[in-house]
């Protein structure tokens, strides 16, 4: 495999753009720490970290495969390998299968319940790209796909599936819909032309208000999760920081400028990292 081919596969799996990995990784590790009551076993930490990287990459590949005839008409995605024909459809599907197989090998190192749950996670990840044709709520499916690693972390360490896990799951879904709507605002004009649907289109002129409501609900759900898990001062400080960052994101998207909306989306990396650091410090 030559250097150019490797570069195109890296581009296809978004390994050169790790923001999606971060947005999936931080909540997963946060859940793993809470489920473990502190630093998890190294084995579990490696499994979930690598699982996030491989499954996020697999999700990007199947997303580009689903959008291969559309990406050429969207300003932000015209240079993607499948849209340009640099990577073939067969190569993309083989890469997707390989990434899913590696992820499945990792999950086989956990337990039977977590293995069963992984099939739901795979179904959600594979379903998401095709939802853009049939519903204005593909961001909700993406949120569920991203959040499914949270209950999997609890089952992997055999922690009780109590209120805390589902509060963390719900908060992650709400937060994902909020930040992916910011992301969808970047492509809204192009999506309207080619018939792709999103929450950004559904919300219309109320997009900023709806994002704010979703962010507020996510914060309130994290408050409830913190109370249930008996998290301390660091968690509450992190929620104050998260609220400040979300307010800053509202300022960024005030004029719906494409670049500013994308910056608001990227800013969510700090929200997730802040909450994870807070949990680590709490258990220390």
C-alpha atoms as a PDB file:
ATOM      1  CA  UNK A   1       0.000   0.000   0.000  1.00  0.00           C
ATOM      2  CA  UNK A   2       1.552   3.311  -1.074  1.00  0.00           C
ATOM      3  CA  UNK A   3       1.719   6.505   0.963  1.00  0.00           C
ATOM      4  CA  UNK A   4      -1.135   8.162  -0.961  1.00  0.00           C
ATOM      5  CA  UNK A   5      -3.469   5.224  -0.292  1.00  0.00           C
ATOM      6  CA  UNK A   6      -2.643   5.303   3.424  1.00  0.00           C
ATOM      7  CA  UNK A   7      -3.356   9.036   3.525  1.00  0.00           C
ATOM      8  CA  UNK A   8      -6.755   8.499   1.890  1.00  0.00           C
ATOM      9  CA  UNK A   9      -7.700   5.736   4.350  1.00  0.00           C
ATOM     10  CA  UNK A  10      -6.706   8.003   7.231  1.00  0.00           C
ATOM     11  CA  UNK A  11      -8.874  10.725   5.717  1.00  0.00           C
ATOM     12  CA  UNK A  12     -11.780   8.304   5.236  1.00  0.00           C
ATOM     13  CA  UNK A  13     -11.631   7.133   8.868  1.00  0.00           C
ATOM     14  CA  UNK A  14     -11.144  10.747  10.103  1.00  0.00           C
ATOM     15  CA  UNK A  15      -8.064   9.766  12.092  1.00  0.00           C
ATOM     16  CA  UNK A  16      -6.718  13.123  10.959  1.00  0.00           C
ATOM     17  CA  UNK A  17      -9.736  14.839  12.579  1.00  0.00           C
ATOM     18  CA  UNK A  18     -10.008  13.394  16.089  1.00  0.00           C
ATOM     19  CA  UNK A  19     -12.816  15.649  17.387  1.00  0.00           C
ATOM     20  CA  UNK A  20     -15.409  12.889  16.895  1.00  0.00           C
ATOM     21  CA  UNK A  21     -13.212  10.463  18.808  1.00  0.00           C
ATOM     22  CA  UNK A  22     -12.913  12.910  21.700  1.00  0.00           C
ATOM     23  CA  UNK A  23     -16.662  13.529  21.821  1.00  0.00           C
ATOM     24  CA  UNK A  24     -17.218   9.779  22.071  1.00  0.00           C
ATOM     25  CA  UNK A  25     -14.243   9.003  24.311  1.00  0.00           C
ATOM     26  CA  UNK A  26     -14.760  11.477  27.187  1.00  0.00           C
ATOM     27  CA  UNK A  27     -18.312  10.371  28.132  1.00  0.00           C
ATOM     28  CA  UNK A  28     -17.321   6.712  27.726  1.00  0.00           C
ATOM     29  CA  UNK A  29     -14.357   7.077  30.084  1.00  0.00           C
ATOM     30  CA  UNK A  30     -16.461   9.138  32.493  1.00  0.00           C
ATOM     31  CA  UNK A  31     -18.979   6.290  32.664  1.00  0.00           C
ATOM     32  CA  UNK A  32     -16.202   3.707  33.020  1.00  0.00           C
ATOM     33  CA  UNK A  33     -14.712   5.611  35.995  1.00  0.00           C
ATOM     34  CA  UNK A  34     -18.084   5.973  37.720  1.00  0.00           C
ATOM     35  CA  UNK A  35     -19.025   2.340  37.056  1.00  0.00           C
ATOM     36  CA  UNK A  36     -15.654   1.196  38.438  1.00  0.00           C
ATOM     37  CA  UNK A  37     -15.820   3.481  41.468  1.00  0.00           C
ATOM     38  CA  UNK A  38     -12.449   4.925  40.528  1.00  0.00           C
ATOM     39  CA  UNK A  39      -9.593   3.958  38.227  1.00  0.00           C
ATOM     40  CA  UNK A  40     -10.826   0.993  36.123  1.00  0.00           C
ATOM     41  CA  UNK A  41      -8.823  -2.107  35.341  1.00  0.00           C
ATOM     42  CA  UNK A  42      -6.179  -1.467  32.705  1.00  0.00           C
ATOM     43  CA  UNK A  43      -7.761  -4.170  30.535  1.00  0.00           C
ATOM     44  CA  UNK A  44     -11.128  -2.375  30.511  1.00  0.00           C
ATOM     45  CA  UNK A  45      -9.482   0.980  29.898  1.00  0.00           C
ATOM     46  CA  UNK A  46      -7.620  -0.354  26.849  1.00  0.00           C
ATOM     47  CA  UNK A  47     -10.691  -2.167  25.478  1.00  0.00           C
ATOM     48  CA  UNK A  48     -12.945   0.894  25.655  1.00  0.00           C
ATOM     49  CA  UNK A  49     -10.343   3.370  24.452  1.00  0.00           C
ATOM     50  CA  UNK A  50      -9.447   1.278  21.408  1.00  0.00           C
ATOM     51  CA  UNK A  51     -13.108   0.400  20.897  1.00  0.00           C
ATOM     52  CA  UNK A  52     -13.983   4.082  20.691  1.00  0.00           C
ATOM     53  CA  UNK A  53     -11.243   4.734  18.121  1.00  0.00           C
ATOM     54  CA  UNK A  54     -12.146   1.771  15.889  1.00  0.00           C
ATOM     55  CA  UNK A  55     -15.930   2.187  16.087  1.00  0.00           C
ATOM     56  CA  UNK A  56     -15.778   5.924  15.474  1.00  0.00           C
ATOM     57  CA  UNK A  57     -13.620   5.210  12.421  1.00  0.00           C
ATOM     58  CA  UNK A  58     -16.074   2.541  11.261  1.00  0.00           C
ATOM     59  CA  UNK A  59     -18.928   5.015  11.687  1.00  0.00           C
ATOM     60  CA  UNK A  60     -17.127   7.574   9.544  1.00  0.00           C
ATOM     61  CA  UNK A  61     -16.529   5.019   6.784  1.00  0.00           C
ATOM     62  CA  UNK A  62     -20.161   3.860   6.622  1.00  0.00           C
ATOM     63  CA  UNK A  63     -21.313   7.486   6.800  1.00  0.00           C
ATOM     64  CA  UNK A  64     -19.185   8.401   3.774  1.00  0.00           C
ATOM     65  CA  UNK A  65     -20.354   5.285   1.957  1.00  0.00           C
ATOM     66  CA  UNK A  66     -23.983   6.270   2.521  1.00  0.00           C
ATOM     67  CA  UNK A  67     -23.262   9.844   1.406  1.00  0.00           C
ATOM     68  CA  UNK A  68     -20.944   8.965  -1.490  1.00  0.00           C
ATOM     69  CA  UNK A  69     -23.324  10.438  -4.081  1.00  0.00           C
ATOM     70  CA  UNK A  70     -24.166  13.488  -1.946  1.00  0.00           C
ATOM     71  CA  UNK A  71     -20.835  14.677  -0.522  1.00  0.00           C
ATOM     72  CA  UNK A  72     -19.733  16.099  -3.862  1.00  0.00           C
ATOM     73  CA  UNK A  73     -22.582  18.614  -3.639  1.00  0.00           C
ATOM     74  CA  UNK A  74     -21.740  19.858  -0.125  1.00  0.00           C
ATOM     75  CA  UNK A  75     -19.032  22.497   0.211  1.00  0.00           C
ATOM     76  CA  UNK A  76     -17.470  20.966   3.344  1.00  0.00           C
ATOM     77  CA  UNK A  77     -17.310  17.385   2.018  1.00  0.00           C
ATOM     78  CA  UNK A  78     -16.334  17.698  -1.654  1.00  0.00           C
ATOM     79  CA  UNK A  79     -12.782  16.452  -1.014  1.00  0.00           C
ATOM     80  CA  UNK A  80     -13.722  13.244   0.817  1.00  0.00           C
ATOM     81  CA  UNK A  81     -12.079  10.138  -0.738  1.00  0.00           C
ATOM     82  CA  UNK A  82     -15.321   8.379  -1.710  1.00  0.00           C
ATOM     83  CA  UNK A  83     -16.860  11.534  -3.132  1.00  0.00           C
ATOM     84  CA  UNK A  84     -13.786  11.994  -5.339  1.00  0.00           C
ATOM     85  CA  UNK A  85     -13.607   8.320  -6.309  1.00  0.00           C
ATOM     86  CA  UNK A  86     -10.095   7.942  -4.867  1.00  0.00           C
ATOM     87  CA  UNK A  87     -11.303   5.089  -2.616  1.00  0.00           C
ATOM     88  CA  UNK A  88     -13.716   2.605  -4.207  1.00  0.00           C
ATOM     89  CA  UNK A  89     -17.042   1.534  -2.693  1.00  0.00           C
ATOM     90  CA  UNK A  90     -15.713  -2.026  -2.290  1.00  0.00           C
ATOM     91  CA  UNK A  91     -12.615  -0.796  -0.463  1.00  0.00           C
ATOM     92  CA  UNK A  92     -14.763   1.300   1.875  1.00  0.00           C
ATOM     93  CA  UNK A  93     -17.034  -1.627   2.742  1.00  0.00           C
ATOM     94  CA  UNK A  94     -14.044  -3.910   3.338  1.00  0.00           C
ATOM     95  CA  UNK A  95     -12.486  -1.294   5.608  1.00  0.00           C
ATOM     96  CA  UNK A  96     -15.770  -0.909   7.499  1.00  0.00           C
ATOM     97  CA  UNK A  97     -15.977  -4.695   7.977  1.00  0.00           C
ATOM     98  CA  UNK A  98     -12.366  -4.845   9.203  1.00  0.00           C
ATOM     99  CA  UNK A  99     -12.889  -2.051  11.736  1.00  0.00           C
ATOM    100  CA  UNK A 100     -16.093  -3.655  13.027  1.00  0.00           C
ATOM    101  CA  UNK A 101     -14.331  -7.049  13.282  1.00  0.00           C
ATOM    102  CA  UNK A 102     -11.498  -5.550  15.340  1.00  0.00           C
ATOM    103  CA  UNK A 103     -14.045  -3.821  17.584  1.00  0.00           C
ATOM    104  CA  UNK A 104     -15.919  -7.095  18.041  1.00  0.00           C
ATOM    105  CA  UNK A 105     -12.717  -8.902  19.023  1.00  0.00           C
ATOM    106  CA  UNK A 106     -12.197  -6.251  21.687  1.00  0.00           C
ATOM    107  CA  UNK A 107     -15.721  -6.618  23.068  1.00  0.00           C
ATOM    108  CA  UNK A 108     -15.294 -10.413  23.191  1.00  0.00           C
ATOM    109  CA  UNK A 109     -12.721  -9.757  25.914  1.00  0.00           C
ATOM    110  CA  UNK A 110     -15.467  -8.425  28.226  1.00  0.00           C
ATOM    111  CA  UNK A 111     -18.538 -10.522  29.119  1.00  0.00           C
ATOM    112  CA  UNK A 112     -21.610 -12.046  27.483  1.00  0.00           C
ATOM    113  CA  UNK A 113     -24.035  -9.193  28.275  1.00  0.00           C
ATOM    114  CA  UNK A 114     -21.644  -6.570  26.913  1.00  0.00           C
ATOM    115  CA  UNK A 115     -21.185  -8.642  23.741  1.00  0.00           C
ATOM    116  CA  UNK A 116     -24.964  -8.767  23.263  1.00  0.00           C
ATOM    117  CA  UNK A 117     -25.210  -5.015  23.835  1.00  0.00           C
ATOM    118  CA  UNK A 118     -22.522  -4.371  21.239  1.00  0.00           C
ATOM    119  CA  UNK A 119     -24.904  -5.535  18.509  1.00  0.00           C
ATOM    120  CA  UNK A 120     -27.293  -2.702  19.430  1.00  0.00           C
ATOM    121  CA  UNK A 121     -24.392  -0.250  19.283  1.00  0.00           C
ATOM    122  CA  UNK A 122     -23.371  -1.505  15.840  1.00  0.00           C
ATOM    123  CA  UNK A 123     -26.949  -1.280  14.559  1.00  0.00           C
ATOM    124  CA  UNK A 124     -27.248   2.329  15.749  1.00  0.00           C
ATOM    125  CA  UNK A 125     -23.899   3.290  14.195  1.00  0.00           C
ATOM    126  CA  UNK A 126     -24.796   1.691  10.853  1.00  0.00           C
ATOM    127  CA  UNK A 127     -28.337   3.097  10.859  1.00  0.00           C
ATOM    128  CA  UNK A 128     -27.439   6.730  11.519  1.00  0.00           C
ATOM    129  CA  UNK A 129     -26.131   7.737   8.045  1.00  0.00           C
ATOM    130  CA  UNK A 130     -29.302   6.512   6.335  1.00  0.00           C
ATOM    131  CA  UNK A 131     -31.632   8.394   8.684  1.00  0.00           C
ATOM    132  CA  UNK A 132     -30.851  11.654   6.890  1.00  0.00           C
ATOM    133  CA  UNK A 133     -33.090  10.509   4.011  1.00  0.00           C
ATOM    134  CA  UNK A 134     -36.109   9.559   6.098  1.00  0.00           C
ATOM    135  CA  UNK A 135     -36.232  11.747   9.202  1.00  0.00           C
ATOM    136  CA  UNK A 136     -35.270  15.194  10.407  1.00  0.00           C
ATOM    137  CA  UNK A 137     -33.870  13.602  13.579  1.00  0.00           C
ATOM    138  CA  UNK A 138     -30.691  11.762  12.504  1.00  0.00           C
ATOM    139  CA  UNK A 139     -28.885  13.586  15.340  1.00  0.00           C
ATOM    140  CA  UNK A 140     -31.028  11.662  17.852  1.00  0.00           C
ATOM    141  CA  UNK A 141     -29.891   8.343  16.357  1.00  0.00           C
ATOM    142  CA  UNK A 142     -26.284   9.580  16.423  1.00  0.00           C
ATOM    143  CA  UNK A 143     -26.762  10.574  20.066  1.00  0.00           C
ATOM    144  CA  UNK A 144     -28.026   7.104  20.943  1.00  0.00           C
ATOM    145  CA  UNK A 145     -25.121   5.509  19.043  1.00  0.00           C
ATOM    146  CA  UNK A 146     -22.560   7.677  20.842  1.00  0.00           C
ATOM    147  CA  UNK A 147     -24.240   7.195  24.230  1.00  0.00           C
ATOM    148  CA  UNK A 148     -24.580   3.407  23.972  1.00  0.00           C
ATOM    149  CA  UNK A 149     -20.983   2.979  25.134  1.00  0.00           C
ATOM    150  CA  UNK A 150     -22.113   4.285  28.554  1.00  0.00           C
ATOM    151  CA  UNK A 151     -24.324   1.320  29.559  1.00  0.00           C
ATOM    152  CA  UNK A 152     -21.766  -0.979  27.917  1.00  0.00           C
ATOM    153  CA  UNK A 153     -19.120   0.396  30.291  1.00  0.00           C
ATOM    154  CA  UNK A 154     -21.362  -0.454  33.244  1.00  0.00           C
ATOM    155  CA  UNK A 155     -22.086  -3.991  32.048  1.00  0.00           C
ATOM    156  CA  UNK A 156     -18.402  -4.581  31.263  1.00  0.00           C
ATOM    157  CA  UNK A 157     -17.398  -3.957  34.878  1.00  0.00           C
ATOM    158  CA  UNK A 158     -20.595  -5.662  36.118  1.00  0.00           C
ATOM    159  CA  UNK A 159     -21.804  -2.522  37.886  1.00  0.00           C
ATOM    160  CA  UNK A 160     -25.509  -2.209  38.799  1.00  0.00           C
ATOM    161  CA  UNK A 161     -27.599  -0.693  36.002  1.00  0.00           C
ATOM    162  CA  UNK A 162     -29.226   1.897  38.248  1.00  0.00           C
ATOM    163  CA  UNK A 163     -30.482   5.435  37.621  1.00  0.00           C
ATOM    164  CA  UNK A 164     -26.984   6.888  37.216  1.00  0.00           C
ATOM    165  CA  UNK A 165     -26.199   5.037  33.989  1.00  0.00           C
ATOM    166  CA  UNK A 166     -29.432   6.068  32.291  1.00  0.00           C
ATOM    167  CA  UNK A 167     -29.051   9.672  33.429  1.00  0.00           C
ATOM    168  CA  UNK A 168     -25.557   9.726  31.912  1.00  0.00           C
ATOM    169  CA  UNK A 169     -26.974   8.106  28.772  1.00  0.00           C
ATOM    170  CA  UNK A 170     -29.780  10.667  28.499  1.00  0.00           C
ATOM    171  CA  UNK A 171     -27.435  13.602  29.088  1.00  0.00           C
ATOM    172  CA  UNK A 172     -25.123  12.327  26.359  1.00  0.00           C
ATOM    173  CA  UNK A 173     -27.994  12.032  23.870  1.00  0.00           C
ATOM    174  CA  UNK A 174     -29.221  15.571  24.655  1.00  0.00           C
ATOM    175  CA  UNK A 175     -25.711  16.996  24.424  1.00  0.00           C
ATOM    176  CA  UNK A 176     -24.993  15.175  21.156  1.00  0.00           C
ATOM    177  CA  UNK A 177     -28.167  16.465  19.511  1.00  0.00           C
ATOM    178  CA  UNK A 178     -27.174  19.991  20.605  1.00  0.00           C
ATOM    179  CA  UNK A 179     -23.617  19.925  19.266  1.00  0.00           C
ATOM    180  CA  UNK A 180     -24.450  17.972  16.120  1.00  0.00           C
ATOM    181  CA  UNK A 181     -27.131  20.537  15.334  1.00  0.00           C
ATOM    182  CA  UNK A 182     -24.360  23.148  15.498  1.00  0.00           C
ATOM    183  CA  UNK A 183     -22.422  20.934  13.084  1.00  0.00           C
ATOM    184  CA  UNK A 184     -25.453  20.566  10.801  1.00  0.00           C
ATOM    185  CA  UNK A 185     -25.878  24.350  10.705  1.00  0.00           C
ATOM    186  CA  UNK A 186     -22.611  24.470   8.751  1.00  0.00           C
ATOM    187  CA  UNK A 187     -24.133  22.408   5.910  1.00  0.00           C
ATOM    188  CA  UNK A 188     -27.751  23.553   6.143  1.00  0.00           C
ATOM    189  CA  UNK A 189     -27.844  25.522   2.868  1.00  0.00           C
ATOM    190  CA  UNK A 190     -26.286  22.645   0.919  1.00  0.00           C
ATOM    191  CA  UNK A 191     -28.470  20.035   2.650  1.00  0.00           C
ATOM    192  CA  UNK A 192     -31.637  21.901   1.695  1.00  0.00           C
ATOM    193  CA  UNK A 193     -30.587  21.822  -1.967  1.00  0.00           C
ATOM    194  CA  UNK A 194     -29.860  18.087  -2.068  1.00  0.00           C
ATOM    195  CA  UNK A 195     -32.691  16.910   0.195  1.00  0.00           C
ATOM    196  CA  UNK A 196     -30.682  15.808   3.235  1.00  0.00           C
ATOM    197  CA  UNK A 197     -32.529  16.267   6.532  1.00  0.00           C
ATOM    198  CA  UNK A 198     -31.264  17.336   9.956  1.00  0.00           C
ATOM    199  CA  UNK A 199     -32.334  18.942  13.219  1.00  0.00           C
ATOM    200  CA  UNK A 200     -30.792  22.197  11.959  1.00  0.00           C
ATOM    201  CA  UNK A 201     -33.373  22.194   9.155  1.00  0.00           C
ATOM    202  CA  UNK A 202     -36.172  20.995  11.440  1.00  0.00           C
ATOM    203  CA  UNK A 203     -35.555  23.743  14.004  1.00  0.00           C
ATOM    204  CA  UNK A 204     -35.248  26.456  11.348  1.00  0.00           C
ATOM    205  CA  UNK A 205     -35.199  29.954  12.837  1.00  0.00           C
ATOM    206  CA  UNK A 206     -35.549  28.427  16.326  1.00  0.00           C
ATOM    207  CA  UNK A 207     -32.224  26.571  15.991  1.00  0.00           C
ATOM    208  CA  UNK A 208     -30.327  28.656  18.557  1.00  0.00           C
ATOM    209  CA  UNK A 209     -33.202  28.432  21.042  1.00  0.00           C
ATOM    210  CA  UNK A 210     -33.515  24.654  20.637  1.00  0.00           C
ATOM    211  CA  UNK A 211     -29.771  24.149  21.015  1.00  0.00           C
ATOM    212  CA  UNK A 212     -29.899  26.226  24.213  1.00  0.00           C
ATOM    213  CA  UNK A 213     -32.807  24.161  25.567  1.00  0.00           C
ATOM    214  CA  UNK A 214     -31.026  20.899  24.775  1.00  0.00           C
ATOM    215  CA  UNK A 215     -27.859  22.165  26.455  1.00  0.00           C
ATOM    216  CA  UNK A 216     -29.816  23.241  29.540  1.00  0.00           C
ATOM    217  CA  UNK A 217     -31.532  19.844  29.737  1.00  0.00           C
ATOM    218  CA  UNK A 218     -28.149  18.100  29.410  1.00  0.00           C
ATOM    219  CA  UNK A 219     -26.747  20.171  32.291  1.00  0.00           C
ATOM    220  CA  UNK A 220     -29.798  19.415  34.467  1.00  0.00           C
ATOM    221  CA  UNK A 221     -29.496  15.708  33.683  1.00  0.00           C
ATOM    222  CA  UNK A 222     -25.802  15.775  34.600  1.00  0.00           C
ATOM    223  CA  UNK A 223     -26.797  17.471  37.863  1.00  0.00           C
ATOM    224  CA  UNK A 224     -29.172  14.584  38.585  1.00  0.00           C
ATOM    225  CA  UNK A 225     -26.474  12.044  37.652  1.00  0.00           C
ATOM    226  CA  UNK A 226     -24.004  13.764  39.976  1.00  0.00           C
ATOM    227  CA  UNK A 227     -26.469  13.604  42.847  1.00  0.00           C
ATOM    228  CA  UNK A 228     -27.254   9.926  42.218  1.00  0.00           C
ATOM    229  CA  UNK A 229     -23.558   8.995  41.954  1.00  0.00           C
ATOM    230  CA  UNK A 230     -22.721  11.214  44.950  1.00  0.00           C
ATOM    231  CA  UNK A 231     -20.068  13.094  43.005  1.00  0.00           C
ATOM    232  CA  UNK A 232     -18.343  15.940  44.826  1.00  0.00           C
ATOM    233  CA  UNK A 233     -17.104  19.486  44.346  1.00  0.00           C
ATOM    234  CA  UNK A 234     -15.076  18.807  41.197  1.00  0.00           C
ATOM    235  CA  UNK A 235     -18.202  17.618  39.360  1.00  0.00           C
ATOM    236  CA  UNK A 236     -20.124  20.780  40.242  1.00  0.00           C
ATOM    237  CA  UNK A 237     -17.201  22.976  39.181  1.00  0.00           C
ATOM    238  CA  UNK A 238     -17.034  21.079  35.884  1.00  0.00           C
ATOM    239  CA  UNK A 239     -20.756  21.677  35.327  1.00  0.00           C
ATOM    240  CA  UNK A 240     -20.237  25.403  35.911  1.00  0.00           C
ATOM    241  CA  UNK A 241     -17.416  25.283  33.347  1.00  0.00           C
ATOM    242  CA  UNK A 242     -19.631  23.322  30.926  1.00  0.00           C
ATOM    243  CA  UNK A 243     -22.412  25.887  31.321  1.00  0.00           C
ATOM    244  CA  UNK A 244     -19.951  28.692  30.583  1.00  0.00           C
ATOM    245  CA  UNK A 245     -18.643  26.910  27.493  1.00  0.00           C
ATOM    246  CA  UNK A 246     -22.166  26.330  26.226  1.00  0.00           C
ATOM    247  CA  UNK A 247     -22.974  30.013  26.740  1.00  0.00           C
ATOM    248  CA  UNK A 248     -19.868  30.820  24.704  1.00  0.00           C
ATOM    249  CA  UNK A 249     -21.093  28.465  21.973  1.00  0.00           C
ATOM    250  CA  UNK A 250     -24.379  30.370  21.871  1.00  0.00           C
ATOM    251  CA  UNK A 251     -22.392  33.561  21.324  1.00  0.00           C
ATOM    252  CA  UNK A 252     -20.435  31.899  18.514  1.00  0.00           C
ATOM    253  CA  UNK A 253     -23.550  30.785  16.611  1.00  0.00           C
ATOM    254  CA  UNK A 254     -25.400  34.082  17.116  1.00  0.00           C
ATOM    255  CA  UNK A 255     -25.123  35.038  13.416  1.00  0.00           C
ATOM    256  CA  UNK A 256     -25.234  31.442  12.108  1.00  0.00           C
ATOM    257  CA  UNK A 257     -21.903  31.962  10.364  1.00  0.00           C
ATOM    258  CA  UNK A 258     -20.610  28.625   8.993  1.00  0.00           C
ATOM    259  CA  UNK A 259     -17.109  28.867  10.443  1.00  0.00           C
ATOM    260  CA  UNK A 260     -18.399  30.102  13.807  1.00  0.00           C
ATOM    261  CA  UNK A 261     -20.927  27.247  14.028  1.00  0.00           C
ATOM    262  CA  UNK A 262     -18.121  24.790  13.336  1.00  0.00           C
ATOM    263  CA  UNK A 263     -16.001  26.405  16.065  1.00  0.00           C
ATOM    264  CA  UNK A 264     -18.931  26.050  18.468  1.00  0.00           C
ATOM    265  CA  UNK A 265     -19.129  22.349  17.596  1.00  0.00           C
ATOM    266  CA  UNK A 266     -15.382  21.889  18.195  1.00  0.00           C
ATOM    267  CA  UNK A 267     -15.650  23.672  21.562  1.00  0.00           C
ATOM    268  CA  UNK A 268     -17.651  20.746  22.939  1.00  0.00           C
ATOM    269  CA  UNK A 269     -14.406  18.811  23.263  1.00  0.00           C
ATOM    270  CA  UNK A 270     -13.645  20.910  26.364  1.00  0.00           C
ATOM    271  CA  UNK A 271     -17.064  20.205  27.868  1.00  0.00           C
ATOM    272  CA  UNK A 272     -16.514  16.447  27.719  1.00  0.00           C
ATOM    273  CA  UNK A 273     -12.909  16.605  28.877  1.00  0.00           C
ATOM    274  CA  UNK A 274     -13.825  18.841  31.805  1.00  0.00           C
ATOM    275  CA  UNK A 275     -16.463  16.421  33.062  1.00  0.00           C
ATOM    276  CA  UNK A 276     -14.090  13.468  32.709  1.00  0.00           C
ATOM    277  CA  UNK A 277     -11.286  15.224  34.603  1.00  0.00           C
ATOM    278  CA  UNK A 278     -13.776  16.117  37.352  1.00  0.00           C
ATOM    279  CA  UNK A 279     -14.725  12.456  37.813  1.00  0.00           C
ATOM    280  CA  UNK A 280     -11.091  11.344  37.898  1.00  0.00           C
ATOM    281  CA  UNK A 281     -10.292  13.989  40.533  1.00  0.00           C
ATOM    282  CA  UNK A 282     -13.362  13.025  42.557  1.00  0.00           C
ATOM    283  CA  UNK A 283     -12.253   9.391  42.880  1.00  0.00           C
ATOM    284  CA  UNK A 284      -8.662  10.365  43.637  1.00  0.00           C
END
